[in-house]
């Protein structure tokens, strides 16, 4: 009987451990990397507009020297587009947990460079 009462607890722990954070996603290899002369906020505004047009649900956060667009799903963060400006050059990178989503997100990120 103890096994049956432990199953719901184990399932809950497993579900919570599957939730990814921005830090978790950023640890993965970028699926897109690019540079532009545009300031980070201008670049992110362009990508945000494109993603909104595609129906992508995201939030925008400020980070040192730039910002990031964070796409969340049912199991936590799915993708993070970070853009930082340093000495007049903006570097952008897209990290994602779901390769199937990477193409549509990176196409917009690339077109806005």
PDB file of N, CA and C in Angstrom:
ATOM      1  N   UNK A   1       0.818  -1.191   0.000  1.00  0.00           N
ATOM      2  CA  UNK A   1       0.000   0.000   0.000  1.00  0.00           C
ATOM      3  C   UNK A   1       0.863   1.256   0.000  1.00  0.00           C
ATOM      4  N   UNK A   2       2.047   1.175   0.621  1.00  0.00           N
ATOM      5  CA  UNK A   2       2.917   2.345   0.664  1.00  0.00           C
ATOM      6  C   UNK A   2       3.383   2.744  -0.734  1.00  0.00           C
ATOM      7  N   UNK A   3       3.549   1.775  -1.612  1.00  0.00           N
ATOM      8  CA  UNK A   3       3.978   2.056  -2.985  1.00  0.00           C
ATOM      9  C   UNK A   3       2.935   2.908  -3.691  1.00  0.00           C
ATOM     10  N   UNK A   4       1.660   2.585  -3.503  1.00  0.00           N
ATOM     11  CA  UNK A   4       0.584   3.338  -4.146  1.00  0.00           C
ATOM     12  C   UNK A   4       0.525   4.775  -3.659  1.00  0.00           C
ATOM     13  N   UNK A   5       0.799   5.015  -2.396  1.00  0.00           N
ATOM     14  CA  UNK A   5       0.760   6.383  -1.885  1.00  0.00           C
ATOM     15  C   UNK A   5       1.995   7.178  -2.310  1.00  0.00           C
ATOM     16  N   UNK A   6       3.069   6.501  -2.643  1.00  0.00           N
ATOM     17  CA  UNK A   6       4.286   7.192  -3.076  1.00  0.00           C
ATOM     18  C   UNK A   6       4.249   7.555  -4.556  1.00  0.00           C
ATOM     19  N   UNK A   7       3.420   6.875  -5.337  1.00  0.00           N
ATOM     20  CA  UNK A   7       3.356   7.135  -6.779  1.00  0.00           C
ATOM     21  C   UNK A   7       2.948   8.565  -7.123  1.00  0.00           C
ATOM     22  N   UNK A   8       1.895   9.128  -6.507  1.00  0.00           N
ATOM     23  CA  UNK A   8       1.546  10.509  -6.845  1.00  0.00           C
ATOM     24  C   UNK A   8       2.664  11.500  -6.493  1.00  0.00           C
ATOM     25  N   UNK A   9       3.344  11.267  -5.398  1.00  0.00           N
ATOM     26  CA  UNK A   9       4.451  12.134  -5.004  1.00  0.00           C
ATOM     27  C   UNK A   9       5.594  12.031  -6.005  1.00  0.00           C
ATOM     28  N   UNK A  10       5.918  10.833  -6.423  1.00  0.00           N
ATOM     29  CA  UNK A  10       6.985  10.638  -7.409  1.00  0.00           C
ATOM     30  C   UNK A  10       6.620  11.288  -8.736  1.00  0.00           C
ATOM     31  N   UNK A  11       5.362  11.190  -9.133  1.00  0.00           N
ATOM     32  CA  UNK A  11       4.913  11.811 -10.385  1.00  0.00           C
ATOM     33  C   UNK A  11       5.019  13.329 -10.301  1.00  0.00           C
ATOM     34  N   UNK A  12       4.657  13.898  -9.160  1.00  0.00           N
ATOM     35  CA  UNK A  12       4.740  15.349  -8.987  1.00  0.00           C
ATOM     36  C   UNK A  12       6.184  15.830  -9.029  1.00  0.00           C
ATOM     37  N   UNK A  13       7.077  15.108  -8.395  1.00  0.00           N
ATOM     38  CA  UNK A  13       8.498  15.466  -8.407  1.00  0.00           C
ATOM     39  C   UNK A  13       9.047  15.382  -9.824  1.00  0.00           C
ATOM     40  N   UNK A  14       8.672  14.356 -10.549  1.00  0.00           N
ATOM     41  CA  UNK A  14       9.123  14.190 -11.928  1.00  0.00           C
ATOM     42  C   UNK A  14       8.622  15.327 -12.808  1.00  0.00           C
ATOM     43  N   UNK A  15       7.375  15.726 -12.640  1.00  0.00           N
ATOM     44  CA  UNK A  15       6.818  16.821 -13.437  1.00  0.00           C
ATOM     45  C   UNK A  15       7.533  18.128 -13.139  1.00  0.00           C
ATOM     46  N   UNK A  16       7.798  18.402 -11.883  1.00  0.00           N
ATOM     47  CA  UNK A  16       8.480  19.642 -11.517  1.00  0.00           C
ATOM     48  C   UNK A  16       9.916  19.664 -12.008  1.00  0.00           C
ATOM     49  N   UNK A  17      10.576  18.532 -12.008  1.00  0.00           N
ATOM     50  CA  UNK A  17      11.960  18.488 -12.466  1.00  0.00           C
ATOM     51  C   UNK A  17      12.050  18.637 -13.981  1.00  0.00           C
ATOM     52  N   UNK A  18      10.958  18.389 -14.692  1.00  0.00           N
ATOM     53  CA  UNK A  18      10.946  18.528 -16.148  1.00  0.00           C
ATOM     54  C   UNK A  18      10.785  19.981 -16.575  1.00  0.00           C
ATOM     55  N   UNK A  19      10.380  20.864 -15.679  1.00  0.00           N
ATOM     56  CA  UNK A  19      10.197  22.274 -16.009  1.00  0.00           C
ATOM     57  C   UNK A  19      11.554  22.940 -16.196  1.00  0.00           C
ATOM     58  N   UNK A  20      11.727  23.589 -17.334  1.00  0.00           N
ATOM     59  CA  UNK A  20      13.007  24.227 -17.650  1.00  0.00           C
ATOM     60  C   UNK A  20      12.940  25.721 -17.355  1.00  0.00           C
ATOM     61  N   UNK A  21      14.066  26.266 -16.926  1.00  0.00           N
ATOM     62  CA  UNK A  21      14.186  27.699 -16.672  1.00  0.00           C
ATOM     63  C   UNK A  21      15.003  28.340 -17.793  1.00  0.00           C
ATOM     64  N   UNK A  22      15.090  29.664 -17.768  1.00  0.00           N
ATOM     65  CA  UNK A  22      15.913  30.389 -18.743  1.00  0.00           C
ATOM     66  C   UNK A  22      17.357  29.903 -18.659  1.00  0.00           C
ATOM     67  N   UNK A  23      17.856  29.710 -17.446  1.00  0.00           N
ATOM     68  CA  UNK A  23      19.232  29.252 -17.263  1.00  0.00           C
ATOM     69  C   UNK A  23      19.436  27.862 -17.860  1.00  0.00           C
ATOM     70  N   UNK A  24      18.458  26.978 -17.676  1.00  0.00           N
ATOM     71  CA  UNK A  24      18.556  25.626 -18.240  1.00  0.00           C
ATOM     72  C   UNK A  24      18.639  25.670 -19.761  1.00  0.00           C
ATOM     73  N   UNK A  25      17.779  26.449 -20.380  1.00  0.00           N
ATOM     74  CA  UNK A  25      17.751  26.540 -21.842  1.00  0.00           C
ATOM     75  C   UNK A  25      19.028  27.191 -22.359  1.00  0.00           C
ATOM     76  N   UNK A  26      19.519  28.213 -21.657  1.00  0.00           N
ATOM     77  CA  UNK A  26      20.745  28.897 -22.091  1.00  0.00           C
ATOM     78  C   UNK A  26      21.986  28.010 -22.002  1.00  0.00           C
ATOM     79  N   UNK A  27      21.914  26.915 -21.251  1.00  0.00           N
ATOM     80  CA  UNK A  27      23.049  25.988 -21.160  1.00  0.00           C
ATOM     81  C   UNK A  27      23.185  25.137 -22.425  1.00  0.00           C
ATOM     82  N   UNK A  28      22.121  25.059 -23.209  1.00  0.00           N
ATOM     83  CA  UNK A  28      22.168  24.251 -24.434  1.00  0.00           C
ATOM     84  C   UNK A  28      22.913  25.008 -25.537  1.00  0.00           C
ATOM     85  N   UNK A  29      23.322  24.276 -26.573  1.00  0.00           N
ATOM     86  CA  UNK A  29      24.012  24.874 -27.723  1.00  0.00           C
ATOM     87  C   UNK A  29      23.036  25.788 -28.457  1.00  0.00           C
ATOM     88  N   UNK A  30      23.461  26.994 -28.833  1.00  0.00           N
ATOM     89  CA  UNK A  30      22.566  27.872 -29.604  1.00  0.00           C
ATOM     90  C   UNK A  30      22.209  27.239 -30.952  1.00  0.00           C
ATOM     91  N   UNK A  31      20.956  27.421 -31.358  1.00  0.00           N
ATOM     92  CA  UNK A  31      20.516  26.946 -32.670  1.00  0.00           C
ATOM     93  C   UNK A  31      20.631  28.057 -33.708  1.00  0.00           C
ATOM     94  N   UNK A  32      20.875  29.285 -33.229  1.00  0.00           N
ATOM     95  CA  UNK A  32      21.037  30.432 -34.112  1.00  0.00           C
ATOM     96  C   UNK A  32      21.977  31.418 -33.436  1.00  0.00           C
ATOM     97  N   UNK A  33      22.841  32.020 -34.238  1.00  0.00           N
ATOM     98  CA  UNK A  33      23.738  33.056 -33.734  1.00  0.00           C
ATOM     99  C   UNK A  33      23.940  34.072 -34.849  1.00  0.00           C
ATOM    100  N   UNK A  34      23.868  35.355 -34.524  1.00  0.00           N
ATOM    101  CA  UNK A  34      24.081  36.390 -35.533  1.00  0.00           C
ATOM    102  C   UNK A  34      24.491  37.701 -34.903  1.00  0.00           C
ATOM    103  N   UNK A  35      24.914  38.645 -35.747  1.00  0.00           N
ATOM    104  CA  UNK A  35      25.339  39.970 -35.290  1.00  0.00           C
ATOM    105  C   UNK A  35      24.711  41.030 -36.182  1.00  0.00           C
ATOM    106  N   UNK A  36      24.469  42.193 -35.608  1.00  0.00           N
ATOM    107  CA  UNK A  36      23.888  43.314 -36.339  1.00  0.00           C
ATOM    108  C   UNK A  36      24.409  44.630 -35.769  1.00  0.00           C
ATOM    109  N   UNK A  37      24.303  45.683 -36.569  1.00  0.00           N
ATOM    110  CA  UNK A  37      24.683  47.016 -36.103  1.00  0.00           C
ATOM    111  C   UNK A  37      23.525  47.690 -35.365  1.00  0.00           C
ATOM    112  N   UNK A  38      22.346  47.099 -35.431  1.00  0.00           N
ATOM    113  CA  UNK A  38      21.185  47.649 -34.724  1.00  0.00           C
ATOM    114  C   UNK A  38      21.381  47.521 -33.215  1.00  0.00           C
ATOM    115  N   UNK A  39      20.855  48.475 -32.450  1.00  0.00           N
ATOM    116  CA  UNK A  39      20.867  48.306 -30.985  1.00  0.00           C
ATOM    117  C   UNK A  39      20.011  47.097 -30.586  1.00  0.00           C
ATOM    118  N   UNK A  40      20.329  46.499 -29.467  1.00  0.00           N
ATOM    119  CA  UNK A  40      19.639  45.287 -29.016  1.00  0.00           C
ATOM    120  C   UNK A  40      18.128  45.482 -28.920  1.00  0.00           C
ATOM    121  N   UNK A  41      17.675  46.588 -28.350  1.00  0.00           N
ATOM    122  CA  UNK A  41      16.236  46.799 -28.176  1.00  0.00           C
ATOM    123  C   UNK A  41      15.521  46.934 -29.516  1.00  0.00           C
ATOM    124  N   UNK A  42      16.162  47.583 -30.481  1.00  0.00           N
ATOM    125  CA  UNK A  42      15.569  47.710 -31.816  1.00  0.00           C
ATOM    126  C   UNK A  42      15.470  46.334 -32.489  1.00  0.00           C
ATOM    127  N   UNK A  43      16.521  45.561 -32.376  1.00  0.00           N
ATOM    128  CA  UNK A  43      16.535  44.208 -32.940  1.00  0.00           C
ATOM    129  C   UNK A  43      15.454  43.341 -32.294  1.00  0.00           C
ATOM    130  N   UNK A  44      15.379  43.366 -30.967  1.00  0.00           N
ATOM    131  CA  UNK A  44      14.387  42.553 -30.263  1.00  0.00           C
ATOM    132  C   UNK A  44      12.965  42.993 -30.596  1.00  0.00           C
ATOM    133  N   UNK A  45      12.747  44.295 -30.809  1.00  0.00           N
ATOM    134  CA  UNK A  45      11.421  44.781 -31.195  1.00  0.00           C
ATOM    135  C   UNK A  45      11.007  44.211 -32.544  1.00  0.00           C
ATOM    136  N   UNK A  46      11.956  44.139 -33.467  1.00  0.00           N
ATOM    137  CA  UNK A  46      11.687  43.558 -34.783  1.00  0.00           C
ATOM    138  C   UNK A  46      11.296  42.085 -34.650  1.00  0.00           C
ATOM    139  N   UNK A  47      12.070  41.334 -33.892  1.00  0.00           N
ATOM    140  CA  UNK A  47      11.783  39.905 -33.709  1.00  0.00           C
ATOM    141  C   UNK A  47      10.456  39.722 -32.968  1.00  0.00           C
ATOM    142  N   UNK A  48      10.220  40.541 -31.947  1.00  0.00           N
ATOM    143  CA  UNK A  48       8.972  40.443 -31.182  1.00  0.00           C
ATOM    144  C   UNK A  48       7.765  40.661 -32.090  1.00  0.00           C
ATOM    145  N   UNK A  49       7.858  41.624 -32.973  1.00  0.00           N
ATOM    146  CA  UNK A  49       6.769  41.894 -33.909  1.00  0.00           C
ATOM    147  C   UNK A  49       6.532  40.692 -34.831  1.00  0.00           C
ATOM    148  N   UNK A  50       7.605  40.104 -35.323  1.00  0.00           N
ATOM    149  CA  UNK A  50       7.493  38.925 -36.196  1.00  0.00           C
ATOM    150  C   UNK A  50       6.895  37.746 -35.435  1.00  0.00           C
ATOM    151  N   UNK A  51       7.358  37.511 -34.212  1.00  0.00           N
ATOM    152  CA  UNK A  51       6.840  36.395 -33.426  1.00  0.00           C
ATOM    153  C   UNK A  51       5.361  36.589 -33.107  1.00  0.00           C
ATOM    154  N   UNK A  52       4.966  37.842 -32.789  1.00  0.00           N
ATOM    155  CA  UNK A  52       3.545  38.107 -32.513  1.00  0.00           C
ATOM    156  C   UNK A  52       2.708  37.763 -33.738  1.00  0.00           C
ATOM    157  N   UNK A  53       3.209  38.131 -34.921  1.00  0.00           N
ATOM    158  CA  UNK A  53       2.508  37.826 -36.163  1.00  0.00           C
ATOM    159  C   UNK A  53       2.359  36.333 -36.409  1.00  0.00           C
ATOM    160  N   UNK A  54       3.266  35.540 -35.843  1.00  0.00           N
ATOM    161  CA  UNK A  54       3.217  34.078 -35.979  1.00  0.00           C
ATOM    162  C   UNK A  54       2.416  33.423 -34.853  1.00  0.00           C
ATOM    163  N   UNK A  55       1.949  34.241 -33.906  1.00  0.00           N
ATOM    164  CA  UNK A  55       1.183  33.704 -32.787  1.00  0.00           C
ATOM    165  C   UNK A  55       2.032  33.113 -31.678  1.00  0.00           C
ATOM    166  N   UNK A  56       3.315  33.479 -31.640  1.00  0.00           N
ATOM    167  CA  UNK A  56       4.216  32.977 -30.598  1.00  0.00           C
ATOM    168  C   UNK A  56       3.960  33.760 -29.312  1.00  0.00           C
ATOM    169  N   UNK A  57       3.774  33.046 -28.217  1.00  0.00           N
ATOM    170  CA  UNK A  57       3.560  33.646 -26.906  1.00  0.00           C
ATOM    171  C   UNK A  57       4.909  33.779 -26.207  1.00  0.00           C
ATOM    172  N   UNK A  58       5.287  34.993 -25.811  1.00  0.00           N
ATOM    173  CA  UNK A  58       6.589  35.211 -25.191  1.00  0.00           C
ATOM    174  C   UNK A  58       6.517  36.387 -24.227  1.00  0.00           C
ATOM    175  N   UNK A  59       7.572  36.538 -23.443  1.00  0.00           N
ATOM    176  CA  UNK A  59       7.712  37.724 -22.596  1.00  0.00           C
ATOM    177  C   UNK A  59       9.097  38.303 -22.842  1.00  0.00           C
ATOM    178  N   UNK A  60       9.230  39.598 -22.610  1.00  0.00           N
ATOM    179  CA  UNK A  60      10.503  40.278 -22.842  1.00  0.00           C
ATOM    180  C   UNK A  60      11.102  40.688 -21.506  1.00  0.00           C
ATOM    181  N   UNK A  61      12.384  40.366 -21.330  1.00  0.00           N
ATOM    182  CA  UNK A  61      13.115  40.711 -20.110  1.00  0.00           C
ATOM    183  C   UNK A  61      14.320  41.562 -20.462  1.00  0.00           C
ATOM    184  N   UNK A  62      14.687  42.435 -19.545  1.00  0.00           N
ATOM    185  CA  UNK A  62      15.925  43.191 -19.718  1.00  0.00           C
ATOM    186  C   UNK A  62      17.068  42.417 -19.082  1.00  0.00           C
ATOM    187  N   UNK A  63      18.219  42.433 -19.759  1.00  0.00           N
ATOM    188  CA  UNK A  63      19.447  41.873 -19.214  1.00  0.00           C
ATOM    189  C   UNK A  63      20.540  42.915 -19.410  1.00  0.00           C
ATOM    190  N   UNK A  64      21.685  42.701 -18.822  1.00  0.00           N
ATOM    191  CA  UNK A  64      22.782  43.658 -18.927  1.00  0.00           C
ATOM    192  C   UNK A  64      23.143  43.881 -20.400  1.00  0.00           C
ATOM    193  N   UNK A  65      23.167  45.121 -20.826  1.00  0.00           N
ATOM    194  CA  UNK A  65      23.515  45.539 -22.191  1.00  0.00           C
ATOM    195  C   UNK A  65      22.551  45.041 -23.256  1.00  0.00           C
ATOM    196  N   UNK A  66      21.317  44.677 -22.878  1.00  0.00           N
ATOM    197  CA  UNK A  66      20.377  44.208 -23.894  1.00  0.00           C
ATOM    198  C   UNK A  66      19.092  43.669 -23.319  1.00  0.00           C
ATOM    199  N   UNK A  67      18.605  42.600 -23.939  1.00  0.00           N
ATOM    200  CA  UNK A  67      17.357  42.003 -23.506  1.00  0.00           C
ATOM    201  C   UNK A  67      17.222  40.596 -24.034  1.00  0.00           C
ATOM    202  N   UNK A  68      16.097  39.974 -23.665  1.00  0.00           N
ATOM    203  CA  UNK A  68      15.833  38.623 -24.133  1.00  0.00           C
ATOM    204  C   UNK A  68      14.335  38.425 -24.310  1.00  0.00           C
ATOM    205  N   UNK A  69      13.997  37.597 -25.273  1.00  0.00           N
ATOM    206  CA  UNK A  69      12.622  37.171 -25.492  1.00  0.00           C
ATOM    207  C   UNK A  69      12.535  35.722 -25.031  1.00  0.00           C
ATOM    208  N   UNK A  70      11.593  35.442 -24.140  1.00  0.00           N
ATOM    209  CA  UNK A  70      11.474  34.117 -23.530  1.00  0.00           C
ATOM    210  C   UNK A  70      10.140  33.492 -23.935  1.00  0.00           C
ATOM    211  N   UNK A  71      10.217  32.344 -24.596  1.00  0.00           N
ATOM    212  CA  UNK A  71       9.031  31.594 -25.010  1.00  0.00           C
ATOM    213  C   UNK A  71       8.793  30.506 -23.974  1.00  0.00           C
ATOM    214  N   UNK A  72       7.605  30.534 -23.352  1.00  0.00           N
ATOM    215  CA  UNK A  72       7.281  29.532 -22.339  1.00  0.00           C
ATOM    216  C   UNK A  72       6.235  28.564 -22.861  1.00  0.00           C
ATOM    217  N   UNK A  73       6.331  27.328 -22.417  1.00  0.00           N
ATOM    218  CA  UNK A  73       5.368  26.292 -22.779  1.00  0.00           C
ATOM    219  C   UNK A  73       4.811  25.645 -21.533  1.00  0.00           C
ATOM    220  N   UNK A  74       4.163  24.517 -21.699  1.00  0.00           N
ATOM    221  CA  UNK A  74       3.543  23.834 -20.563  1.00  0.00           C
ATOM    222  C   UNK A  74       4.564  23.274 -19.582  1.00  0.00           C
ATOM    223  N   UNK A  75       5.775  22.989 -20.052  1.00  0.00           N
ATOM    224  CA  UNK A  75       6.809  22.442 -19.171  1.00  0.00           C
ATOM    225  C   UNK A  75       7.935  23.439 -18.920  1.00  0.00           C
ATOM    226  N   UNK A  76       7.597  24.715 -18.900  1.00  0.00           N
ATOM    227  CA  UNK A  76       8.603  25.736 -18.615  1.00  0.00           C
ATOM    228  C   UNK A  76       9.081  26.431 -19.871  1.00  0.00           C
ATOM    229  N   UNK A  77      10.276  26.975 -19.803  1.00  0.00           N
ATOM    230  CA  UNK A  77      10.842  27.754 -20.904  1.00  0.00           C
ATOM    231  C   UNK A  77      11.185  26.835 -22.073  1.00  0.00           C
ATOM    232  N   UNK A  78      10.739  27.214 -23.265  1.00  0.00           N
ATOM    233  CA  UNK A  78      11.027  26.440 -24.475  1.00  0.00           C
ATOM    234  C   UNK A  78      12.163  27.048 -25.285  1.00  0.00           C
ATOM    235  N   UNK A  79      12.247  28.396 -25.295  1.00  0.00           N
ATOM    236  CA  UNK A  79      13.272  29.056 -26.106  1.00  0.00           C
ATOM    237  C   UNK A  79      13.621  30.410 -25.509  1.00  0.00           C
ATOM    238  N   UNK A  80      14.873  30.837 -25.735  1.00  0.00           N
ATOM    239  CA  UNK A  80      15.348  32.142 -25.272  1.00  0.00           C
ATOM    240  C   UNK A  80      16.162  32.777 -26.389  1.00  0.00           C
ATOM    241  N   UNK A  81      15.741  33.973 -26.817  1.00  0.00           N
ATOM    242  CA  UNK A  81      16.523  34.766 -27.760  1.00  0.00           C
ATOM    243  C   UNK A  81      17.153  35.894 -26.960  1.00  0.00           C
ATOM    244  N   UNK A  82      18.476  35.909 -26.870  1.00  0.00           N
ATOM    245  CA  UNK A  82      19.202  36.946 -26.134  1.00  0.00           C
ATOM    246  C   UNK A  82      19.910  37.857 -27.119  1.00  0.00           C
ATOM    247  N   UNK A  83      19.877  39.158 -26.845  1.00  0.00           N
ATOM    248  CA  UNK A  83      20.588  40.126 -27.680  1.00  0.00           C
ATOM    249  C   UNK A  83      21.288  41.123 -26.766  1.00  0.00           C
ATOM    250  N   UNK A  84      22.593  41.286 -26.958  1.00  0.00           N
ATOM    251  CA  UNK A  84      23.373  42.234 -26.166  1.00  0.00           C
ATOM    252  C   UNK A  84      24.198  43.111 -27.093  1.00  0.00           C
ATOM    253  N   UNK A  85      24.274  44.389 -26.735  1.00  0.00           N
ATOM    254  CA  UNK A  85      25.038  45.346 -27.528  1.00  0.00           C
ATOM    255  C   UNK A  85      26.307  45.710 -26.778  1.00  0.00           C
ATOM    256  N   UNK A  86      27.418  45.675 -27.483  1.00  0.00           N
ATOM    257  CA  UNK A  86      28.713  46.037 -26.923  1.00  0.00           C
ATOM    258  C   UNK A  86      29.522  46.724 -28.010  1.00  0.00           C
ATOM    259  N   UNK A  87      29.947  47.948 -27.727  1.00  0.00           N
ATOM    260  CA  UNK A  87      30.760  48.736 -28.660  1.00  0.00           C
ATOM    261  C   UNK A  87      30.134  48.845 -30.051  1.00  0.00           C
ATOM    262  N   UNK A  88      28.852  49.125 -30.084  1.00  0.00           N
ATOM    263  CA  UNK A  88      28.158  49.359 -31.341  1.00  0.00           C
ATOM    264  C   UNK A  88      27.759  48.124 -32.128  1.00  0.00           C
ATOM    265  N   UNK A  89      27.967  46.951 -31.586  1.00  0.00           N
ATOM    266  CA  UNK A  89      27.617  45.703 -32.272  1.00  0.00           C
ATOM    267  C   UNK A  89      26.696  44.884 -31.363  1.00  0.00           C
ATOM    268  N   UNK A  90      25.632  44.379 -31.934  1.00  0.00           N
ATOM    269  CA  UNK A  90      24.693  43.550 -31.181  1.00  0.00           C
ATOM    270  C   UNK A  90      24.857  42.092 -31.586  1.00  0.00           C
ATOM    271  N   UNK A  91      25.075  41.251 -30.601  1.00  0.00           N
ATOM    272  CA  UNK A  91      25.163  39.807 -30.813  1.00  0.00           C
ATOM    273  C   UNK A  91      23.854  39.185 -30.337  1.00  0.00           C
ATOM    274  N   UNK A  92      23.316  38.291 -31.145  1.00  0.00           N
ATOM    275  CA  UNK A  92      22.064  37.614 -30.810  1.00  0.00           C
ATOM    276  C   UNK A  92      22.274  36.109 -30.861  1.00  0.00           C
ATOM    277  N   UNK A  93      21.614  35.413 -29.938  1.00  0.00           N
ATOM    278  CA  UNK A  93      21.667  33.946 -29.961  1.00  0.00           C
ATOM    279  C   UNK A  93      20.326  33.404 -29.507  1.00  0.00           C
ATOM    280  N   UNK A  94      19.957  32.294 -30.117  1.00  0.00           N
ATOM    281  CA  UNK A  94      18.706  31.627 -29.793  1.00  0.00           C
ATOM    282  C   UNK A  94      19.012  30.229 -29.285  1.00  0.00           C
ATOM    283  N   UNK A  95      18.550  29.949 -28.079  1.00  0.00           N
ATOM    284  CA  UNK A  95      18.667  28.616 -27.490  1.00  0.00           C
ATOM    285  C   UNK A  95      17.255  28.066 -27.353  1.00  0.00           C
ATOM    286  N   UNK A  96      17.095  26.776 -27.603  1.00  0.00           N
ATOM    287  CA  UNK A  96      15.770  26.172 -27.503  1.00  0.00           C
ATOM    288  C   UNK A  96      15.856  24.732 -27.006  1.00  0.00           C
ATOM    289  N   UNK A  97      14.775  24.297 -26.357  1.00  0.00           N
ATOM    290  CA  UNK A  97      14.678  22.904 -25.906  1.00  0.00           C
ATOM    291  C   UNK A  97      14.025  22.043 -26.965  1.00  0.00           C
ATOM    292  N   UNK A  98      13.237  22.663 -27.851  1.00  0.00           N
ATOM    293  CA  UNK A  98      12.473  21.919 -28.847  1.00  0.00           C
ATOM    294  C   UNK A  98      12.984  22.227 -30.245  1.00  0.00           C
ATOM    295  N   UNK A  99      13.734  21.336 -30.836  1.00  0.00           N
ATOM    296  CA  UNK A  99      14.258  21.569 -32.190  1.00  0.00           C
ATOM    297  C   UNK A  99      13.162  21.832 -33.222  1.00  0.00           C
ATOM    298  N   UNK A 100      11.985  21.275 -33.020  1.00  0.00           N
ATOM    299  CA  UNK A 100      10.889  21.477 -33.972  1.00  0.00           C
ATOM    300  C   UNK A 100      10.453  22.939 -34.026  1.00  0.00           C
ATOM    301  N   UNK A 101      10.671  23.658 -32.959  1.00  0.00           N
ATOM    302  CA  UNK A 101      10.285  25.072 -32.877  1.00  0.00           C
ATOM    303  C   UNK A 101      11.408  25.984 -33.357  1.00  0.00           C
ATOM    304  N   UNK A 102      12.608  25.483 -33.424  1.00  0.00           N
ATOM    305  CA  UNK A 102      13.783  26.308 -33.715  1.00  0.00           C
ATOM    306  C   UNK A 102      13.724  26.973 -35.080  1.00  0.00           C
ATOM    307  N   UNK A 103      13.222  26.289 -36.083  1.00  0.00           N
ATOM    308  CA  UNK A 103      13.236  26.827 -37.445  1.00  0.00           C
ATOM    309  C   UNK A 103      12.392  28.089 -37.557  1.00  0.00           C
ATOM    310  N   UNK A 104      11.162  28.047 -37.090  1.00  0.00           N
ATOM    311  CA  UNK A 104      10.298  29.221 -37.217  1.00  0.00           C
ATOM    312  C   UNK A 104      10.811  30.391 -36.393  1.00  0.00           C
ATOM    313  N   UNK A 105      11.322  30.114 -35.210  1.00  0.00           N
ATOM    314  CA  UNK A 105      11.842  31.187 -34.364  1.00  0.00           C
ATOM    315  C   UNK A 105      13.122  31.778 -34.940  1.00  0.00           C
ATOM    316  N   UNK A 106      14.017  30.939 -35.421  1.00  0.00           N
ATOM    317  CA  UNK A 106      15.298  31.434 -35.936  1.00  0.00           C
ATOM    318  C   UNK A 106      15.142  32.149 -37.275  1.00  0.00           C
ATOM    319  N   UNK A 107      14.153  31.778 -38.083  1.00  0.00           N
ATOM    320  CA  UNK A 107      13.918  32.493 -39.344  1.00  0.00           C
ATOM    321  C   UNK A 107      13.629  33.968 -39.083  1.00  0.00           C
ATOM    322  N   UNK A 108      12.758  34.245 -38.128  1.00  0.00           N
ATOM    323  CA  UNK A 108      12.439  35.634 -37.781  1.00  0.00           C
ATOM    324  C   UNK A 108      13.646  36.343 -37.192  1.00  0.00           C
ATOM    325  N   UNK A 109      14.385  35.647 -36.341  1.00  0.00           N
ATOM    326  CA  UNK A 109      15.579  36.243 -35.730  1.00  0.00           C
ATOM    327  C   UNK A 109      16.607  36.597 -36.796  1.00  0.00           C
ATOM    328  N   UNK A 110      16.729  35.764 -37.802  1.00  0.00           N
ATOM    329  CA  UNK A 110      17.683  36.005 -38.886  1.00  0.00           C
ATOM    330  C   UNK A 110      17.237  37.165 -39.777  1.00  0.00           C
ATOM    331  N   UNK A 111      15.958  37.216 -40.124  1.00  0.00           N
ATOM    332  CA  UNK A 111      15.454  38.274 -40.999  1.00  0.00           C
ATOM    333  C   UNK A 111      15.569  39.661 -40.370  1.00  0.00           C
ATOM    334  N   UNK A 112      15.553  39.739 -39.051  1.00  0.00           N
ATOM    335  CA  UNK A 112      15.634  41.037 -38.369  1.00  0.00           C
ATOM    336  C   UNK A 112      17.067  41.546 -38.212  1.00  0.00           C
ATOM    337  N   UNK A 113      18.045  40.725 -38.544  1.00  0.00           N
ATOM    338  CA  UNK A 113      19.436  41.188 -38.452  1.00  0.00           C
ATOM    339  C   UNK A 113      19.627  42.320 -39.432  1.00  0.00           C
TER     340      UNK A 113
END
